[in-house]
Amino acid sequence: MLFAKKLLLIPVAALLAFSTGCLIEQEEPGEAPEVNVEPGRLPEYDVEGPDVEVGTEEKTIEVPTVDIDPPQRDTQN
């Protein structure tokens, strides 16, 4: 782990020395190139989905009961 940190420190130090050791001035403004692009077309699809019938149905479901007996608290101090 220590070796990896030292190995990473070398390029960072070189970049820092390079960026602070030179003077950069813009000579002329830049501009984006002109590009002519024609719009494309999306393909057409004919999709037929299945016939789906949705409805509700009433059902009775037995649910188990739960009986919880909490422990008695000691009332003596």
N, C-alpha and C. Protein backbone atom coordinates (compact mmCIF):
# COMPACT_ATOMS: atom_id res chain seq x y z
N MET A 1 0.83 -1.19 0.00
CA MET A 1 0.00 0.00 0.00
C MET A 1 0.87 1.25 0.00
N LEU A 2 1.94 1.21 0.79
CA LEU A 2 2.84 2.36 0.87
C LEU A 2 3.55 2.57 -0.45
N PHE A 3 3.91 1.46 -1.12
CA PHE A 3 4.57 1.55 -2.42
C PHE A 3 3.65 2.19 -3.45
N ALA A 4 2.35 1.85 -3.41
CA ALA A 4 1.38 2.41 -4.36
C ALA A 4 1.22 3.90 -4.14
N LYS A 5 1.24 4.34 -2.89
CA LYS A 5 1.13 5.78 -2.62
C LYS A 5 2.35 6.52 -3.14
N LYS A 6 3.54 5.93 -2.95
CA LYS A 6 4.77 6.57 -3.46
C LYS A 6 4.77 6.59 -4.97
N LEU A 7 4.28 5.51 -5.58
CA LEU A 7 4.22 5.43 -7.03
C LEU A 7 3.25 6.46 -7.60
N LEU A 8 2.18 6.75 -6.91
CA LEU A 8 1.20 7.76 -7.34
C LEU A 8 1.73 9.16 -7.09
N LEU A 9 2.56 9.33 -6.10
CA LEU A 9 3.08 10.64 -5.75
C LEU A 9 4.02 11.19 -6.82
N ILE A 10 4.74 10.33 -7.51
CA ILE A 10 5.71 10.77 -8.53
C ILE A 10 5.02 11.49 -9.69
N PRO A 11 3.99 10.93 -10.35
CA PRO A 11 3.34 11.66 -11.45
C PRO A 11 2.62 12.93 -10.97
N VAL A 12 2.06 12.90 -9.78
CA VAL A 12 1.37 14.09 -9.26
C VAL A 12 2.38 15.20 -9.04
N ALA A 13 3.55 14.88 -8.49
CA ALA A 13 4.58 15.89 -8.27
C ALA A 13 5.11 16.42 -9.60
N ALA A 14 5.27 15.56 -10.60
CA ALA A 14 5.74 16.00 -11.91
C ALA A 14 4.71 16.92 -12.57
N LEU A 15 3.44 16.59 -12.47
CA LEU A 15 2.39 17.43 -13.04
C LEU A 15 2.33 18.78 -12.35
N LEU A 16 2.47 18.79 -11.04
CA LEU A 16 2.45 20.03 -10.29
C LEU A 16 3.64 20.91 -10.66
N ALA A 17 4.82 20.32 -10.80
CA ALA A 17 6.02 21.09 -11.17
C ALA A 17 5.88 21.64 -12.59
N PHE A 18 5.31 20.85 -13.51
CA PHE A 18 5.14 21.31 -14.88
C PHE A 18 4.12 22.44 -14.97
N SER A 19 3.00 22.30 -14.26
CA SER A 19 1.93 23.29 -14.38
C SER A 19 2.30 24.61 -13.72
N THR A 20 3.12 24.60 -12.70
CA THR A 20 3.52 25.86 -12.06
C THR A 20 4.79 26.41 -12.65
N GLY A 21 5.51 25.63 -13.45
CA GLY A 21 6.79 26.08 -13.98
C GLY A 21 6.70 26.65 -15.38
N CYS A 22 5.51 26.76 -15.97
CA CYS A 22 5.41 27.32 -17.32
C CYS A 22 4.29 28.35 -17.36
N LEU A 23 4.39 29.25 -18.33
CA LEU A 23 3.41 30.32 -18.50
C LEU A 23 2.65 30.05 -19.79
N ILE A 24 1.34 29.99 -19.71
CA ILE A 24 0.51 29.71 -20.88
C ILE A 24 -0.34 30.93 -21.17
N GLU A 25 -0.23 31.44 -22.41
CA GLU A 25 -1.04 32.59 -22.85
C GLU A 25 -1.76 32.20 -24.13
N GLN A 26 -3.03 32.58 -24.24
CA GLN A 26 -3.82 32.27 -25.42
C GLN A 26 -3.46 33.27 -26.51
N GLU A 27 -3.01 32.78 -27.67
CA GLU A 27 -2.60 33.63 -28.78
C GLU A 27 -3.81 34.12 -29.59
N GLU A 28 -4.73 33.22 -29.90
CA GLU A 28 -5.92 33.60 -30.66
C GLU A 28 -7.09 32.75 -30.18
N PRO A 29 -8.31 33.27 -30.32
CA PRO A 29 -9.47 32.52 -29.82
C PRO A 29 -9.73 31.28 -30.68
N GLY A 30 -10.25 30.26 -30.05
CA GLY A 30 -10.61 29.05 -30.78
C GLY A 30 -12.09 29.06 -31.13
N GLU A 31 -12.47 28.22 -32.09
CA GLU A 31 -13.87 28.10 -32.46
C GLU A 31 -14.16 26.67 -32.87
N ALA A 32 -15.38 26.29 -32.73
CA ALA A 32 -15.79 24.94 -33.08
C ALA A 32 -15.89 24.80 -34.60
N PRO A 33 -15.59 23.66 -35.15
CA PRO A 33 -15.69 23.48 -36.60
C PRO A 33 -17.15 23.43 -37.04
N GLU A 34 -17.38 23.79 -38.31
CA GLU A 34 -18.73 23.73 -38.86
C GLU A 34 -18.99 22.31 -39.35
N VAL A 35 -20.14 21.79 -38.97
CA VAL A 35 -20.49 20.42 -39.35
C VAL A 35 -21.91 20.42 -39.90
N ASN A 36 -22.10 19.81 -41.06
CA ASN A 36 -23.44 19.68 -41.64
C ASN A 36 -23.91 18.25 -41.44
N VAL A 37 -25.02 18.10 -40.74
CA VAL A 37 -25.55 16.78 -40.44
C VAL A 37 -27.01 16.74 -40.84
N GLU A 38 -27.40 15.68 -41.56
CA GLU A 38 -28.80 15.51 -41.92
C GLU A 38 -29.44 14.57 -40.90
N PRO A 39 -30.66 14.87 -40.48
CA PRO A 39 -31.31 14.01 -39.48
C PRO A 39 -31.61 12.63 -40.06
N GLY A 40 -31.54 11.63 -39.23
CA GLY A 40 -31.83 10.26 -39.65
C GLY A 40 -33.29 9.92 -39.40
N ARG A 41 -33.65 8.69 -39.73
CA ARG A 41 -35.02 8.23 -39.51
C ARG A 41 -34.98 7.00 -38.63
N LEU A 42 -35.93 6.91 -37.73
CA LEU A 42 -36.08 5.73 -36.91
C LEU A 42 -36.80 4.65 -37.70
N PRO A 43 -36.48 3.39 -37.49
CA PRO A 43 -37.19 2.32 -38.20
C PRO A 43 -38.63 2.22 -37.72
N GLU A 44 -39.50 1.75 -38.62
CA GLU A 44 -40.90 1.58 -38.26
C GLU A 44 -41.14 0.12 -37.88
N TYR A 45 -41.99 -0.09 -36.87
CA TYR A 45 -42.32 -1.43 -36.40
C TYR A 45 -43.83 -1.58 -36.35
N ASP A 46 -44.31 -2.76 -36.73
CA ASP A 46 -45.73 -3.09 -36.60
C ASP A 46 -45.82 -4.14 -35.50
N VAL A 47 -46.28 -3.73 -34.33
CA VAL A 47 -46.31 -4.62 -33.17
C VAL A 47 -47.76 -4.86 -32.77
N GLU A 48 -48.12 -6.13 -32.65
CA GLU A 48 -49.45 -6.49 -32.18
C GLU A 48 -49.29 -7.28 -30.88
N GLY A 49 -49.78 -6.74 -29.80
CA GLY A 49 -49.68 -7.41 -28.51
C GLY A 49 -50.80 -8.40 -28.31
N PRO A 50 -50.70 -9.26 -27.32
CA PRO A 50 -51.75 -10.25 -27.06
C PRO A 50 -52.99 -9.60 -26.46
N ASP A 51 -54.13 -10.27 -26.61
CA ASP A 51 -55.36 -9.80 -25.98
C ASP A 51 -55.32 -10.22 -24.51
N VAL A 52 -55.47 -9.28 -23.62
CA VAL A 52 -55.39 -9.55 -22.19
C VAL A 52 -56.68 -9.11 -21.54
N GLU A 53 -57.29 -10.02 -20.77
CA GLU A 53 -58.49 -9.68 -20.02
C GLU A 53 -58.12 -9.54 -18.56
N VAL A 54 -58.47 -8.43 -17.96
CA VAL A 54 -58.14 -8.15 -16.57
C VAL A 54 -59.44 -8.04 -15.79
N GLY A 55 -59.49 -8.70 -14.64
CA GLY A 55 -60.69 -8.65 -13.83
C GLY A 55 -60.34 -8.91 -12.37
N THR A 56 -61.36 -8.89 -11.54
CA THR A 56 -61.15 -9.18 -10.12
C THR A 56 -62.01 -10.37 -9.73
N GLU A 57 -61.57 -11.07 -8.70
CA GLU A 57 -62.29 -12.23 -8.21
C GLU A 57 -62.24 -12.19 -6.69
N GLU A 58 -63.39 -12.41 -6.06
CA GLU A 58 -63.45 -12.36 -4.60
C GLU A 58 -63.16 -13.74 -4.03
N LYS A 59 -62.20 -13.80 -3.08
CA LYS A 59 -61.84 -15.07 -2.44
C LYS A 59 -61.77 -14.86 -0.94
N THR A 60 -62.01 -15.95 -0.18
CA THR A 60 -61.88 -15.93 1.28
C THR A 60 -60.64 -16.73 1.64
N ILE A 61 -59.75 -16.12 2.40
CA ILE A 61 -58.50 -16.77 2.79
C ILE A 61 -58.45 -16.82 4.31
N GLU A 62 -58.14 -18.01 4.86
CA GLU A 62 -58.00 -18.15 6.30
C GLU A 62 -56.61 -17.69 6.71
N VAL A 63 -56.58 -16.80 7.69
CA VAL A 63 -55.32 -16.26 8.19
C VAL A 63 -55.08 -16.83 9.57
N PRO A 64 -53.87 -17.32 9.86
CA PRO A 64 -53.62 -17.87 11.20
C PRO A 64 -53.65 -16.77 12.25
N THR A 65 -54.07 -17.16 13.45
CA THR A 65 -54.09 -16.20 14.56
C THR A 65 -52.81 -16.34 15.35
N VAL A 66 -52.39 -15.26 15.97
CA VAL A 66 -51.17 -15.25 16.77
C VAL A 66 -51.55 -14.85 18.18
N ASP A 67 -51.16 -15.66 19.17
CA ASP A 67 -51.44 -15.37 20.57
C ASP A 67 -50.11 -15.07 21.25
N ILE A 68 -49.95 -13.86 21.76
CA ILE A 68 -48.71 -13.44 22.42
C ILE A 68 -49.00 -13.21 23.88
N ASP A 69 -48.26 -13.90 24.74
CA ASP A 69 -48.36 -13.71 26.19
C ASP A 69 -47.09 -13.02 26.66
N PRO A 70 -47.14 -11.71 26.94
CA PRO A 70 -45.93 -11.03 27.40
C PRO A 70 -45.56 -11.49 28.80
N PRO A 71 -44.26 -11.50 29.15
CA PRO A 71 -43.86 -11.92 30.49
C PRO A 71 -44.37 -10.94 31.54
N GLN A 72 -44.66 -11.47 32.73
CA GLN A 72 -45.15 -10.64 33.83
C GLN A 72 -43.98 -9.83 34.39
N ARG A 73 -44.22 -8.56 34.65
CA ARG A 73 -43.19 -7.70 35.24
C ARG A 73 -43.22 -7.85 36.75
N ASP A 74 -42.06 -7.83 37.36
CA ASP A 74 -41.95 -7.92 38.82
C ASP A 74 -42.26 -6.53 39.37
N THR A 75 -43.30 -6.42 40.21
CA THR A 75 -43.71 -5.12 40.74
C THR A 75 -43.04 -4.78 42.06
N GLN A 76 -42.23 -5.67 42.61
CA GLN A 76 -41.54 -5.39 43.88
C GLN A 76 -40.27 -4.60 43.60
N ASN A 77 -39.96 -3.65 44.48
CA ASN A 77 -38.73 -2.86 44.35
C ASN A 77 -37.69 -3.32 45.29
